């Protein structure tokens, strides 16, 4: 099964770099998904705040991130099993972020359609 993860433009494996998204097809374990959630948390929180404030500049980031979250959720369900030891916590965080994104997108739909005109 192919999943996506965030790449690092500087090819560093260091989690301190929050750089633009690169779509790369890889097989992720639950531990790798946990790592990606940790790495992307600061920028995710920032973009959510911007969207909450009505700034839709980074809506493409959120759309791509949403796809990644869906892939990660499916990876945990299909390849690992949701209730395996430690998986439930990661699964719940993925689900929580998907819910937050959905809420904000739903609230901002009028803004999004007006900004595309």
PDB file of N, CA and C in Angstrom:
ATOM      1  N   UNK A   1       0.843  -1.176   0.000  1.00  0.00           N
ATOM      2  CA  UNK A   1       0.000   0.000   0.000  1.00  0.00           C
ATOM      3  C   UNK A   1       0.887   1.238   0.000  1.00  0.00           C
ATOM      4  N   UNK A   2       0.572   2.176  -0.833  1.00  0.00           N
ATOM      5  CA  UNK A   2       1.362   3.389  -0.898  1.00  0.00           C
ATOM      6  C   UNK A   2       0.746   4.460  -0.014  1.00  0.00           C
ATOM      7  N   UNK A   3       1.617   5.162   0.695  1.00  0.00           N
ATOM      8  CA  UNK A   3       1.191   6.263   1.547  1.00  0.00           C
ATOM      9  C   UNK A   3       2.101   7.439   1.257  1.00  0.00           C
ATOM     10  N   UNK A   4       1.748   8.567   1.776  1.00  0.00           N
ATOM     11  CA  UNK A   4       2.548   9.752   1.546  1.00  0.00           C
ATOM     12  C   UNK A   4       3.124  10.241   2.861  1.00  0.00           C
ATOM     13  N   UNK A   5       4.225  10.937   2.763  1.00  0.00           N
ATOM     14  CA  UNK A   5       4.759  11.585   3.947  1.00  0.00           C
ATOM     15  C   UNK A   5       5.407  12.890   3.536  1.00  0.00           C
ATOM     16  N   UNK A   6       5.705  13.685   4.502  1.00  0.00           N
ATOM     17  CA  UNK A   6       6.304  14.976   4.235  1.00  0.00           C
ATOM     18  C   UNK A   6       7.794  14.782   4.020  1.00  0.00           C
ATOM     19  N   UNK A   7       8.326  15.407   2.989  1.00  0.00           N
ATOM     20  CA  UNK A   7       9.747  15.336   2.717  1.00  0.00           C
ATOM     21  C   UNK A   7      10.443  16.556   3.267  1.00  0.00           C
ATOM     22  N   UNK A   8      11.734  16.486   3.315  1.00  0.00           N
ATOM     23  CA  UNK A   8      12.538  17.622   3.759  1.00  0.00           C
ATOM     24  C   UNK A   8      13.358  18.101   2.579  1.00  0.00           C
ATOM     25  N   UNK A   9      13.209  19.367   2.241  1.00  0.00           N
ATOM     26  CA  UNK A   9      13.890  19.916   1.074  1.00  0.00           C
ATOM     27  C   UNK A   9      15.402  19.843   1.216  1.00  0.00           C
ATOM     28  N   UNK A  10      15.896  19.846   2.456  1.00  0.00           N
ATOM     29  CA  UNK A  10      17.341  19.796   2.642  1.00  0.00           C
ATOM     30  C   UNK A  10      17.853  18.372   2.809  1.00  0.00           C
ATOM     31  N   UNK A  11      16.986  17.397   2.576  1.00  0.00           N
ATOM     32  CA  UNK A  11      17.322  15.975   2.681  1.00  0.00           C
ATOM     33  C   UNK A  11      17.813  15.579   4.065  1.00  0.00           C
ATOM     34  N   UNK A  12      17.480  16.361   5.060  1.00  0.00           N
ATOM     35  CA  UNK A  12      17.861  16.056   6.426  1.00  0.00           C
ATOM     36  C   UNK A  12      16.782  15.195   7.061  1.00  0.00           C
ATOM     37  N   UNK A  13      17.193  14.262   7.888  1.00  0.00           N
ATOM     38  CA  UNK A  13      16.221  13.461   8.621  1.00  0.00           C
ATOM     39  C   UNK A  13      15.899  14.098   9.964  1.00  0.00           C
ATOM     40  N   UNK A  14      16.438  15.268  10.205  1.00  0.00           N
ATOM     41  CA  UNK A  14      16.229  15.951  11.464  1.00  0.00           C
ATOM     42  C   UNK A  14      14.799  16.453  11.579  1.00  0.00           C
ATOM     43  N   UNK A  15      14.112  16.133  12.692  1.00  0.00           N
ATOM     44  CA  UNK A  15      12.727  16.554  12.843  1.00  0.00           C
ATOM     45  C   UNK A  15      12.558  18.040  13.104  1.00  0.00           C
ATOM     46  N   UNK A  16      13.658  18.785  13.248  1.00  0.00           N
ATOM     47  CA  UNK A  16      13.513  20.207  13.536  1.00  0.00           C
ATOM     48  C   UNK A  16      13.262  21.034  12.290  1.00  0.00           C
ATOM     49  N   UNK A  17      13.252  20.432  11.122  1.00  0.00           N
ATOM     50  CA  UNK A  17      13.035  21.173   9.885  1.00  0.00           C
ATOM     51  C   UNK A  17      11.597  21.009   9.422  1.00  0.00           C
ATOM     52  N   UNK A  18      10.851  22.110   9.422  1.00  0.00           N
ATOM     53  CA  UNK A  18       9.473  22.090   8.920  1.00  0.00           C
ATOM     54  C   UNK A  18       9.468  22.790   7.582  1.00  0.00           C
ATOM     55  N   UNK A  19       9.731  22.058   6.548  1.00  0.00           N
ATOM     56  CA  UNK A  19       9.866  22.624   5.219  1.00  0.00           C
ATOM     57  C   UNK A  19       8.665  22.261   4.364  1.00  0.00           C
ATOM     58  N   UNK A  20       8.595  22.810   3.161  1.00  0.00           N
ATOM     59  CA  UNK A  20       7.440  22.537   2.298  1.00  0.00           C
ATOM     60  C   UNK A  20       7.226  21.045   2.073  1.00  0.00           C
ATOM     61  N   UNK A  21       6.002  20.746   1.714  1.00  0.00           N
ATOM     62  CA  UNK A  21       5.634  19.355   1.482  1.00  0.00           C
ATOM     63  C   UNK A  21       6.230  18.831   0.195  1.00  0.00           C
ATOM     64  N   UNK A  22       6.653  17.608   0.247  1.00  0.00           N
ATOM     65  CA  UNK A  22       7.069  16.877  -0.943  1.00  0.00           C
ATOM     66  C   UNK A  22       6.300  15.579  -0.906  1.00  0.00           C
ATOM     67  N   UNK A  23       5.593  15.269  -1.945  1.00  0.00           N
ATOM     68  CA  UNK A  23       4.821  14.039  -1.967  1.00  0.00           C
ATOM     69  C   UNK A  23       5.749  12.915  -2.399  1.00  0.00           C
ATOM     70  N   UNK A  24       6.012  11.980  -1.499  1.00  0.00           N
ATOM     71  CA  UNK A  24       6.841  10.832  -1.837  1.00  0.00           C
ATOM     72  C   UNK A  24       6.094   9.576  -1.403  1.00  0.00           C
ATOM     73  N   UNK A  25       6.087   8.588  -2.259  1.00  0.00           N
ATOM     74  CA  UNK A  25       5.371   7.355  -1.954  1.00  0.00           C
ATOM     75  C   UNK A  25       6.298   6.439  -1.164  1.00  0.00           C
ATOM     76  N   UNK A  26       5.861   6.088   0.019  1.00  0.00           N
ATOM     77  CA  UNK A  26       6.651   5.231   0.895  1.00  0.00           C
ATOM     78  C   UNK A  26       5.710   4.351   1.706  1.00  0.00           C
ATOM     79  N   UNK A  27       6.284   3.391   2.371  1.00  0.00           N
ATOM     80  CA  UNK A  27       5.527   2.578   3.317  1.00  0.00           C
ATOM     81  C   UNK A  27       5.883   3.088   4.705  1.00  0.00           C
ATOM     82  N   UNK A  28       4.876   3.562   5.430  1.00  0.00           N
ATOM     83  CA  UNK A  28       5.114   4.116   6.752  1.00  0.00           C
ATOM     84  C   UNK A  28       4.628   3.177   7.844  1.00  0.00           C
ATOM     85  N   UNK A  29       5.437   3.059   8.871  1.00  0.00           N
ATOM     86  CA  UNK A  29       5.011   2.324  10.056  1.00  0.00           C
ATOM     87  C   UNK A  29       4.274   3.292  10.978  1.00  0.00           C
ATOM     88  N   UNK A  30       3.652   2.767  12.008  1.00  0.00           N
ATOM     89  CA  UNK A  30       2.963   3.621  12.974  1.00  0.00           C
ATOM     90  C   UNK A  30       3.961   4.558  13.651  1.00  0.00           C
ATOM     91  N   UNK A  31       5.158   4.067  13.944  1.00  0.00           N
ATOM     92  CA  UNK A  31       6.180   4.930  14.551  1.00  0.00           C
ATOM     93  C   UNK A  31       6.576   6.064  13.617  1.00  0.00           C
ATOM     94  N   UNK A  32       6.666   5.788  12.327  1.00  0.00           N
ATOM     95  CA  UNK A  32       6.990   6.839  11.357  1.00  0.00           C
ATOM     96  C   UNK A  32       5.844   7.846  11.242  1.00  0.00           C
ATOM     97  N   UNK A  33       4.619   7.366  11.289  1.00  0.00           N
ATOM     98  CA  UNK A  33       3.466   8.274  11.264  1.00  0.00           C
ATOM     99  C   UNK A  33       3.481   9.143  12.517  1.00  0.00           C
ATOM    100  N   UNK A  34       3.775   8.536  13.663  1.00  0.00           N
ATOM    101  CA  UNK A  34       3.887   9.288  14.917  1.00  0.00           C
ATOM    102  C   UNK A  34       4.943  10.383  14.767  1.00  0.00           C
ATOM    103  N   UNK A  35       6.066  10.055  14.161  1.00  0.00           N
ATOM    104  CA  UNK A  35       7.126  11.037  13.934  1.00  0.00           C
ATOM    105  C   UNK A  35       6.674  12.166  13.026  1.00  0.00           C
ATOM    106  N   UNK A  36       5.946  11.823  11.958  1.00  0.00           N
ATOM    107  CA  UNK A  36       5.449  12.849  11.041  1.00  0.00           C
ATOM    108  C   UNK A  36       4.446  13.767  11.740  1.00  0.00           C
ATOM    109  N   UNK A  37       3.607  13.209  12.593  1.00  0.00           N
ATOM    110  CA  UNK A  37       2.658  14.030  13.347  1.00  0.00           C
ATOM    111  C   UNK A  37       3.402  15.011  14.245  1.00  0.00           C
ATOM    112  N   UNK A  38       4.459  14.539  14.851  1.00  0.00           N
ATOM    113  CA  UNK A  38       5.261  15.399  15.724  1.00  0.00           C
ATOM    114  C   UNK A  38       5.962  16.504  14.935  1.00  0.00           C
ATOM    115  N   UNK A  39       6.562  16.131  13.820  1.00  0.00           N
ATOM    116  CA  UNK A  39       7.297  17.086  12.979  1.00  0.00           C
ATOM    117  C   UNK A  39       6.370  18.164  12.433  1.00  0.00           C
ATOM    118  N   UNK A  40       5.183  17.770  12.016  1.00  0.00           N
ATOM    119  CA  UNK A  40       4.286  18.708  11.337  1.00  0.00           C
ATOM    120  C   UNK A  40       3.383  19.485  12.286  1.00  0.00           C
ATOM    121  N   UNK A  41       3.403  19.170  13.570  1.00  0.00           N
ATOM    122  CA  UNK A  41       2.505  19.840  14.520  1.00  0.00           C
ATOM    123  C   UNK A  41       2.651  21.359  14.532  1.00  0.00           C
ATOM    124  N   UNK A  42       3.852  21.925  14.621  1.00  0.00           N
ATOM    125  CA  UNK A  42       3.952  23.392  14.683  1.00  0.00           C
ATOM    126  C   UNK A  42       3.353  24.100  13.465  1.00  0.00           C
ATOM    127  N   UNK A  43       3.670  23.630  12.274  1.00  0.00           N
ATOM    128  CA  UNK A  43       3.131  24.298  11.084  1.00  0.00           C
ATOM    129  C   UNK A  43       1.638  24.022  10.943  1.00  0.00           C
ATOM    130  N   UNK A  44       1.203  22.823  11.301  1.00  0.00           N
ATOM    131  CA  UNK A  44      -0.225  22.497  11.271  1.00  0.00           C
ATOM    132  C   UNK A  44      -0.997  23.451  12.181  1.00  0.00           C
ATOM    133  N   UNK A  45      -0.509  23.651  13.404  1.00  0.00           N
ATOM    134  CA  UNK A  45      -1.168  24.558  14.345  1.00  0.00           C
ATOM    135  C   UNK A  45      -1.201  25.985  13.812  1.00  0.00           C
ATOM    136  N   UNK A  46      -0.111  26.428  13.202  1.00  0.00           N
ATOM    137  CA  UNK A  46      -0.042  27.781  12.641  1.00  0.00           C
ATOM    138  C   UNK A  46      -1.042  27.957  11.509  1.00  0.00           C
ATOM    139  N   UNK A  47      -1.080  27.001  10.598  1.00  0.00           N
ATOM    140  CA  UNK A  47      -1.991  27.094   9.451  1.00  0.00           C
ATOM    141  C   UNK A  47      -3.446  27.028   9.920  1.00  0.00           C
ATOM    142  N   UNK A  48      -3.741  26.184  10.906  1.00  0.00           N
ATOM    143  CA  UNK A  48      -5.105  26.130  11.437  1.00  0.00           C
ATOM    144  C   UNK A  48      -5.514  27.471  12.027  1.00  0.00           C
ATOM    145  N   UNK A  49      -4.601  28.109  12.755  1.00  0.00           N
ATOM    146  CA  UNK A  49      -4.898  29.423  13.332  1.00  0.00           C
ATOM    147  C   UNK A  49      -5.159  30.437  12.223  1.00  0.00           C
ATOM    148  N   UNK A  50      -4.333  30.406  11.179  1.00  0.00           N
ATOM    149  CA  UNK A  50      -4.531  31.324  10.055  1.00  0.00           C
ATOM    150  C   UNK A  50      -5.909  31.113   9.427  1.00  0.00           C
ATOM    151  N   UNK A  51      -6.269  29.853   9.195  1.00  0.00           N
ATOM    152  CA  UNK A  51      -7.571  29.552   8.596  1.00  0.00           C
ATOM    153  C   UNK A  51      -8.718  29.968   9.515  1.00  0.00           C
ATOM    154  N   UNK A  52      -8.545  29.758  10.810  1.00  0.00           N
ATOM    155  CA  UNK A  52      -9.558  30.204  11.774  1.00  0.00           C
ATOM    156  C   UNK A  52      -9.758  31.709  11.716  1.00  0.00           C
ATOM    157  N   UNK A  53      -8.675  32.430  11.425  1.00  0.00           N
ATOM    158  CA  UNK A  53      -8.728  33.895  11.321  1.00  0.00           C
ATOM    159  C   UNK A  53      -9.195  34.355   9.944  1.00  0.00           C
ATOM    160  N   UNK A  54      -9.532  33.409   9.060  1.00  0.00           N
ATOM    161  CA  UNK A  54     -10.046  33.750   7.736  1.00  0.00           C
ATOM    162  C   UNK A  54      -8.988  33.889   6.657  1.00  0.00           C
ATOM    163  N   UNK A  55      -7.722  33.628   6.985  1.00  0.00           N
ATOM    164  CA  UNK A  55      -6.633  33.711   6.005  1.00  0.00           C
ATOM    165  C   UNK A  55      -6.526  32.369   5.293  1.00  0.00           C
ATOM    166  N   UNK A  56      -6.902  32.328   4.018  1.00  0.00           N
ATOM    167  CA  UNK A  56      -6.908  31.072   3.261  1.00  0.00           C
ATOM    168  C   UNK A  56      -5.672  30.903   2.382  1.00  0.00           C
ATOM    169  N   UNK A  57      -4.623  31.660   2.672  1.00  0.00           N
ATOM    170  CA  UNK A  57      -3.391  31.601   1.885  1.00  0.00           C
ATOM    171  C   UNK A  57      -2.836  30.180   1.799  1.00  0.00           C
ATOM    172  N   UNK A  58      -2.880  29.455   2.905  1.00  0.00           N
ATOM    173  CA  UNK A  58      -2.269  28.123   2.963  1.00  0.00           C
ATOM    174  C   UNK A  58      -3.274  26.987   2.812  1.00  0.00           C
ATOM    175  N   UNK A  59      -4.373  27.233   2.123  1.00  0.00           N
ATOM    176  CA  UNK A  59      -5.398  26.200   1.973  1.00  0.00           C
ATOM    177  C   UNK A  59      -4.863  24.985   1.204  1.00  0.00           C
ATOM    178  N   UNK A  60      -3.931  25.202   0.279  1.00  0.00           N
ATOM    179  CA  UNK A  60      -3.350  24.069  -0.460  1.00  0.00           C
ATOM    180  C   UNK A  60      -2.552  23.166   0.469  1.00  0.00           C
ATOM    181  N   UNK A  61      -1.844  23.767   1.430  1.00  0.00           N
ATOM    182  CA  UNK A  61      -1.105  22.976   2.417  1.00  0.00           C
ATOM    183  C   UNK A  61      -2.084  22.074   3.168  1.00  0.00           C
ATOM    184  N   UNK A  62      -3.184  22.660   3.628  1.00  0.00           N
ATOM    185  CA  UNK A  62      -4.168  21.896   4.390  1.00  0.00           C
ATOM    186  C   UNK A  62      -4.779  20.788   3.534  1.00  0.00           C
ATOM    187  N   UNK A  63      -5.057  21.071   2.275  1.00  0.00           N
ATOM    188  CA  UNK A  63      -5.634  20.049   1.386  1.00  0.00           C
ATOM    189  C   UNK A  63      -4.670  18.876   1.221  1.00  0.00           C
ATOM    190  N   UNK A  64      -3.396  19.174   1.028  1.00  0.00           N
ATOM    191  CA  UNK A  64      -2.389  18.118   0.891  1.00  0.00           C
ATOM    192  C   UNK A  64      -2.219  17.368   2.206  1.00  0.00           C
ATOM    193  N   UNK A  65      -2.193  18.113   3.293  1.00  0.00           N
ATOM    194  CA  UNK A  65      -2.049  17.506   4.612  1.00  0.00           C
ATOM    195  C   UNK A  65      -3.233  16.590   4.913  1.00  0.00           C
ATOM    196  N   UNK A  66      -4.418  17.022   4.516  1.00  0.00           N
ATOM    197  CA  UNK A  66      -5.616  16.210   4.714  1.00  0.00           C
ATOM    198  C   UNK A  66      -5.484  14.872   3.977  1.00  0.00           C
ATOM    199  N   UNK A  67      -4.969  14.905   2.755  1.00  0.00           N
ATOM    200  CA  UNK A  67      -4.752  13.662   1.994  1.00  0.00           C
ATOM    201  C   UNK A  67      -3.770  12.752   2.724  1.00  0.00           C
ATOM    202  N   UNK A  68      -2.692  13.352   3.253  1.00  0.00           N
ATOM    203  CA  UNK A  68      -1.716  12.567   4.002  1.00  0.00           C
ATOM    204  C   UNK A  68      -2.350  11.930   5.227  1.00  0.00           C
ATOM    205  N   UNK A  69      -3.147  12.697   5.958  1.00  0.00           N
ATOM    206  CA  UNK A  69      -3.803  12.160   7.149  1.00  0.00           C
ATOM    207  C   UNK A  69      -4.715  10.985   6.799  1.00  0.00           C
ATOM    208  N   UNK A  70      -5.448  11.114   5.716  1.00  0.00           N
ATOM    209  CA  UNK A  70      -6.330  10.017   5.280  1.00  0.00           C
ATOM    210  C   UNK A  70      -5.507   8.776   4.940  1.00  0.00           C
ATOM    211  N   UNK A  71      -4.402   8.978   4.237  1.00  0.00           N
ATOM    212  CA  UNK A  71      -3.525   7.846   3.908  1.00  0.00           C
ATOM    213  C   UNK A  71      -2.944   7.218   5.167  1.00  0.00           C
ATOM    214  N   UNK A  72      -2.540   8.048   6.123  1.00  0.00           N
ATOM    215  CA  UNK A  72      -1.986   7.528   7.374  1.00  0.00           C
ATOM    216  C   UNK A  72      -3.043   6.751   8.145  1.00  0.00           C
ATOM    217  N   UNK A  73      -4.267   7.279   8.185  1.00  0.00           N
ATOM    218  CA  UNK A  73      -5.349   6.598   8.890  1.00  0.00           C
ATOM    219  C   UNK A  73      -5.600   5.226   8.263  1.00  0.00           C
ATOM    220  N   UNK A  74      -5.660   5.194   6.947  1.00  0.00           N
ATOM    221  CA  UNK A  74      -5.869   3.922   6.249  1.00  0.00           C
ATOM    222  C   UNK A  74      -4.712   2.966   6.480  1.00  0.00           C
ATOM    223  N   UNK A  75      -3.500   3.492   6.517  1.00  0.00           N
ATOM    224  CA  UNK A  75      -2.333   2.643   6.757  1.00  0.00           C
ATOM    225  C   UNK A  75      -2.429   1.968   8.117  1.00  0.00           C
ATOM    226  N   UNK A  76      -2.826   2.726   9.112  1.00  0.00           N
ATOM    227  CA  UNK A  76      -2.947   2.152  10.454  1.00  0.00           C
ATOM    228  C   UNK A  76      -4.066   1.118  10.481  1.00  0.00           C
ATOM    229  N   UNK A  77      -5.200   1.430   9.883  1.00  0.00           N
ATOM    230  CA  UNK A  77      -6.339   0.504   9.876  1.00  0.00           C
ATOM    231  C   UNK A  77      -6.010  -0.786   9.141  1.00  0.00           C
ATOM    232  N   UNK A  78      -5.427  -0.651   7.964  1.00  0.00           N
ATOM    233  CA  UNK A  78      -5.249  -1.794   7.075  1.00  0.00           C
ATOM    234  C   UNK A  78      -4.012  -2.613   7.414  1.00  0.00           C
ATOM    235  N   UNK A  79      -2.879  -1.949   7.565  1.00  0.00           N
ATOM    236  CA  UNK A  79      -1.634  -2.706   7.710  1.00  0.00           C
ATOM    237  C   UNK A  79      -1.252  -2.997   9.147  1.00  0.00           C
ATOM    238  N   UNK A  80      -1.710  -2.178  10.080  1.00  0.00           N
ATOM    239  CA  UNK A  80      -1.254  -2.338  11.457  1.00  0.00           C
ATOM    240  C   UNK A  80      -2.353  -2.778  12.423  1.00  0.00           C
ATOM    241  N   UNK A  81      -3.559  -2.355  12.173  1.00  0.00           N
ATOM    242  CA  UNK A  81      -4.641  -2.629  13.119  1.00  0.00           C
ATOM    243  C   UNK A  81      -4.746  -1.501  14.125  1.00  0.00           C
ATOM    244  N   UNK A  82      -5.911  -0.917  14.226  1.00  0.00           N
ATOM    245  CA  UNK A  82      -6.104   0.272  15.054  1.00  0.00           C
ATOM    246  C   UNK A  82      -5.812   0.026  16.525  1.00  0.00           C
ATOM    247  N   UNK A  83      -6.145  -1.124  17.022  1.00  0.00           N
ATOM    248  CA  UNK A  83      -6.051  -1.343  18.459  1.00  0.00           C
ATOM    249  C   UNK A  83      -4.760  -2.019  18.917  1.00  0.00           C
ATOM    250  N   UNK A  84      -3.828  -2.226  18.033  1.00  0.00           N
ATOM    251  CA  UNK A  84      -2.553  -2.779  18.470  1.00  0.00           C
ATOM    252  C   UNK A  84      -1.910  -1.814  19.456  1.00  0.00           C
ATOM    253  N   UNK A  85      -1.048  -2.338  20.276  1.00  0.00           N
ATOM    254  CA  UNK A  85      -0.398  -1.544  21.315  1.00  0.00           C
ATOM    255  C   UNK A  85       0.236  -0.272  20.733  1.00  0.00           C
ATOM    256  N   UNK A  86      -0.167   0.870  21.226  1.00  0.00           N
ATOM    257  CA  UNK A  86       0.401   2.141  20.797  1.00  0.00           C
ATOM    258  C   UNK A  86      -0.229   2.735  19.551  1.00  0.00           C
ATOM    259  N   UNK A  87      -0.953   1.939  18.798  1.00  0.00           N
ATOM    260  CA  UNK A  87      -1.538   2.436  17.549  1.00  0.00           C
ATOM    261  C   UNK A  87      -2.743   3.332  17.787  1.00  0.00           C
ATOM    262  N   UNK A  88      -3.497   3.047  18.836  1.00  0.00           N
ATOM    263  CA  UNK A  88      -4.727   3.794  19.084  1.00  0.00           C
ATOM    264  C   UNK A  88      -4.433   5.278  19.307  1.00  0.00           C
ATOM    265  N   UNK A  89      -3.382   5.581  20.037  1.00  0.00           N
ATOM    266  CA  UNK A  89      -3.010   6.980  20.296  1.00  0.00           C
ATOM    267  C   UNK A  89      -2.701   7.718  18.990  1.00  0.00           C
ATOM    268  N   UNK A  90      -1.936   7.095  18.116  1.00  0.00           N
ATOM    269  CA  UNK A  90      -1.579   7.708  16.830  1.00  0.00           C
ATOM    270  C   UNK A  90      -2.823   7.837  15.961  1.00  0.00           C
ATOM    271  N   UNK A  91      -3.619   6.788  15.900  1.00  0.00           N
ATOM    272  CA  UNK A  91      -4.848   6.811  15.116  1.00  0.00           C
ATOM    273  C   UNK A  91      -5.765   7.940  15.584  1.00  0.00           C
ATOM    274  N   UNK A  92      -5.924   8.083  16.895  1.00  0.00           N
ATOM    275  CA  UNK A  92      -6.789   9.129  17.442  1.00  0.00           C
ATOM    276  C   UNK A  92      -6.279  10.526  17.104  1.00  0.00           C
ATOM    277  N   UNK A  93      -4.964  10.719  17.104  1.00  0.00           N
ATOM    278  CA  UNK A  93      -4.408  12.032  16.745  1.00  0.00           C
ATOM    279  C   UNK A  93      -4.645  12.333  15.266  1.00  0.00           C
ATOM    280  N   UNK A  94      -4.479  11.339  14.414  1.00  0.00           N
ATOM    281  CA  UNK A  94      -4.762  11.525  12.984  1.00  0.00           C
ATOM    282  C   UNK A  94      -6.237  11.891  12.806  1.00  0.00           C
ATOM    283  N   UNK A  95      -7.098  11.159  13.479  1.00  0.00           N
ATOM    284  CA  UNK A  95      -8.537  11.411  13.389  1.00  0.00           C
ATOM    285  C   UNK A  95      -8.894  12.810  13.908  1.00  0.00           C
ATOM    286  N   UNK A  96      -8.261  13.232  15.000  1.00  0.00           N
ATOM    287  CA  UNK A  96      -8.503  14.561  15.572  1.00  0.00           C
ATOM    288  C   UNK A  96      -8.116  15.655  14.588  1.00  0.00           C
ATOM    289  N   UNK A  97      -6.948  15.507  13.957  1.00  0.00           N
ATOM    290  CA  UNK A  97      -6.503  16.518  12.992  1.00  0.00           C
ATOM    291  C   UNK A  97      -7.420  16.566  11.778  1.00  0.00           C
ATOM    292  N   UNK A  98      -7.881  15.409  11.321  1.00  0.00           N
ATOM    293  CA  UNK A  98      -8.835  15.386  10.204  1.00  0.00           C
ATOM    294  C   UNK A  98     -10.126  16.114  10.573  1.00  0.00           C
ATOM    295  N   UNK A  99     -10.596  15.907  11.786  1.00  0.00           N
ATOM    296  CA  UNK A  99     -11.808  16.571  12.246  1.00  0.00           C
ATOM    297  C   UNK A  99     -11.615  18.087  12.275  1.00  0.00           C
ATOM    298  N   UNK A 100     -10.482  18.555  12.809  1.00  0.00           N
ATOM    299  CA  UNK A 100     -10.201  19.995  12.866  1.00  0.00           C
ATOM    300  C   UNK A 100     -10.166  20.605  11.470  1.00  0.00           C
ATOM    301  N   UNK A 101      -9.506  19.915  10.553  1.00  0.00           N
ATOM    302  CA  UNK A 101      -9.429  20.403   9.169  1.00  0.00           C
ATOM    303  C   UNK A 101     -10.828  20.492   8.569  1.00  0.00           C
ATOM    304  N   UNK A 102     -11.620  19.453   8.747  1.00  0.00           N
ATOM    305  CA  UNK A 102     -12.977  19.439   8.187  1.00  0.00           C
ATOM    306  C   UNK A 102     -13.817  20.585   8.724  1.00  0.00           C
ATOM    307  N   UNK A 103     -13.736  20.819  10.030  1.00  0.00           N
ATOM    308  CA  UNK A 103     -14.490  21.920  10.637  1.00  0.00           C
ATOM    309  C   UNK A 103     -14.102  23.264  10.035  1.00  0.00           C
ATOM    310  N   UNK A 104     -12.816  23.503   9.923  1.00  0.00           N
ATOM    311  CA  UNK A 104     -12.338  24.798   9.424  1.00  0.00           C
ATOM    312  C   UNK A 104     -12.685  24.972   7.956  1.00  0.00           C
ATOM    313  N   UNK A 105     -12.512  23.934   7.172  1.00  0.00           N
ATOM    314  CA  UNK A 105     -12.848  24.036   5.745  1.00  0.00           C
ATOM    315  C   UNK A 105     -14.343  24.311   5.591  1.00  0.00           C
ATOM    316  N   UNK A 106     -15.154  23.614   6.370  1.00  0.00           N
ATOM    317  CA  UNK A 106     -16.604  23.821   6.299  1.00  0.00           C
ATOM    318  C   UNK A 106     -16.979  25.260   6.654  1.00  0.00           C
ATOM    319  N   UNK A 107     -16.365  25.795   7.693  1.00  0.00           N
ATOM    320  CA  UNK A 107     -16.631  27.180   8.103  1.00  0.00           C
ATOM    321  C   UNK A 107     -16.169  28.189   7.066  1.00  0.00           C
ATOM    322  N   UNK A 108     -15.096  27.846   6.342  1.00  0.00           N
ATOM    323  CA  UNK A 108     -14.490  28.795   5.410  1.00  0.00           C
ATOM    324  C   UNK A 108     -14.927  28.602   3.968  1.00  0.00           C
ATOM    325  N   UNK A 109     -15.857  27.699   3.693  1.00  0.00           N
ATOM    326  CA  UNK A 109     -16.275  27.457   2.307  1.00  0.00           C
ATOM    327  C   UNK A 109     -16.691  28.746   1.601  1.00  0.00           C
ATOM    328  N   UNK A 110     -17.507  29.626   2.198  1.00  0.00           N
ATOM    329  CA  UNK A 110     -17.834  30.875   1.491  1.00  0.00           C
ATOM    330  C   UNK A 110     -16.585  31.703   1.170  1.00  0.00           C
ATOM    331  N   UNK A 111     -15.646  31.765   2.096  1.00  0.00           N
ATOM    332  CA  UNK A 111     -14.405  32.507   1.861  1.00  0.00           C
ATOM    333  C   UNK A 111     -13.579  31.869   0.754  1.00  0.00           C
ATOM    334  N   UNK A 112     -13.551  30.548   0.733  1.00  0.00           N
ATOM    335  CA  UNK A 112     -12.749  29.841  -0.269  1.00  0.00           C
ATOM    336  C   UNK A 112     -13.322  30.037  -1.665  1.00  0.00           C
ATOM    337  N   UNK A 113     -14.633  29.976  -1.798  1.00  0.00           N
ATOM    338  CA  UNK A 113     -15.224  30.142  -3.128  1.00  0.00           C
ATOM    339  C   UNK A 113     -15.120  31.584  -3.595  1.00  0.00           C
ATOM    340  N   UNK A 114     -15.203  32.539  -2.688  1.00  0.00           N
ATOM    341  CA  UNK A 114     -15.056  33.948  -3.062  1.00  0.00           C
ATOM    342  C   UNK A 114     -13.622  34.290  -3.430  1.00  0.00           C
ATOM    343  N   UNK A 115     -12.655  33.667  -2.752  1.00  0.00           N
ATOM    344  CA  UNK A 115     -11.256  33.984  -3.041  1.00  0.00           C
ATOM    345  C   UNK A 115     -10.794  33.386  -4.360  1.00  0.00           C
ATOM    346  N   UNK A 116     -11.507  32.393  -4.880  1.00  0.00           N
ATOM    347  CA  UNK A 116     -11.104  31.783  -6.152  1.00  0.00           C
ATOM    348  C   UNK A 116     -11.681  32.503  -7.355  1.00  0.00           C
ATOM    349  N   UNK A 117     -12.527  33.504  -7.126  1.00  0.00           N
ATOM    350  CA  UNK A 117     -13.139  34.241  -8.246  1.00  0.00           C
ATOM    351  C   UNK A 117     -12.238  35.353  -8.718  1.00  0.00           C
TER     352      UNK A 117
END
